[in-house]
């Protein structure tokens, strides 16, 4: 009898306490979700899939990333793009450009670079991986009315289709200088050129000495150039090492103009054997109206050995009191959510 009464008492207590416990649990879970939402981190990689050579840029208060679709060259024949309002949630825009729209491009399109001018979006890209001046291909330009395309061929032929100063015509970056001029900075095979673009991006404006392509190659340069201005100084960045290896990395120099001269300062982005290898071919974005910078780059997960298994990631980029870039710490967490106010 005593056992039955005790059992009945426990049942009554359970009936009264379980709803209370359920309410407390739900409230705590909801609170945790809210905290996570308010302090969300991007995580690395930023989005699923094998993507490399990411160029990041801001259009209309949104972050955009235009990467290479990382695959064997005969399958690497299109570009996807990704957009986000906060660096955390990304929208995929599929096949904004493919070789069906670029009749001269047959294979290996990569390292897109984009610029907006007069409400038109110009996407520069490398194609065909030419190895000498007898092969057809090089750097092309496509144009669209929106960042997500669709893009069409701007020229019907390559913009740069030859080797100048030893630079393979790949890894193009379009730089908009503070005086309004636009430059194409590009080059593989350990040589980097700069050339001033015409206003309509159909060709180049020769320099005063009659040359079109000036070499600005710094020490240890391999490929993947990028340039930005901070406090009146020109930061020129590039990738070093072999892109399929673990020691791919990013170094930089500082100059007083887009022509340099650029003396190598040192590496600021490289592998962490505990996190990932092959960290390189990056870009940089600055949140408008702030001194906040991010670097977007690709790297290879520790589980992967295939050279094309590359992911797009993001980290903070910061500077010391003398304007030198601090070494970037690569992470799995990425960066905190950040919306653009201006």
Foldseek 3Di string as FASTA:
>chain_A
DVVVVVVVVVVVVCVVCVVVVVVVVVVVVVVVVVVCVVWPFCFPPNDDAQWFLWAWDDDPQKIKIKTFRQDPFQPRFFTKMWIDQWNRDIDIQPRLDGCVQQVQARTRKGNWEWDDDPQKIKIKIWGDQDDALVDFTAIFIWIANDPSHNTHGPASGHQDGHQDPNFGRGQWYWDQDPVGWIWIWFGAPQWIWIFTADPSRNYGDADPVRHGIDTQGEPQAGTQWEWDDDPQKIKIKHWHDDQLDQWIFMWIFIANDPSGNTYTPTTQGADDLVFFGRWDSWYKDDQPPDRWMKIKGKTAGNVDNDSSRIGIAMFTWDADPVRHIHRTDDDRRGGTTDGRDD
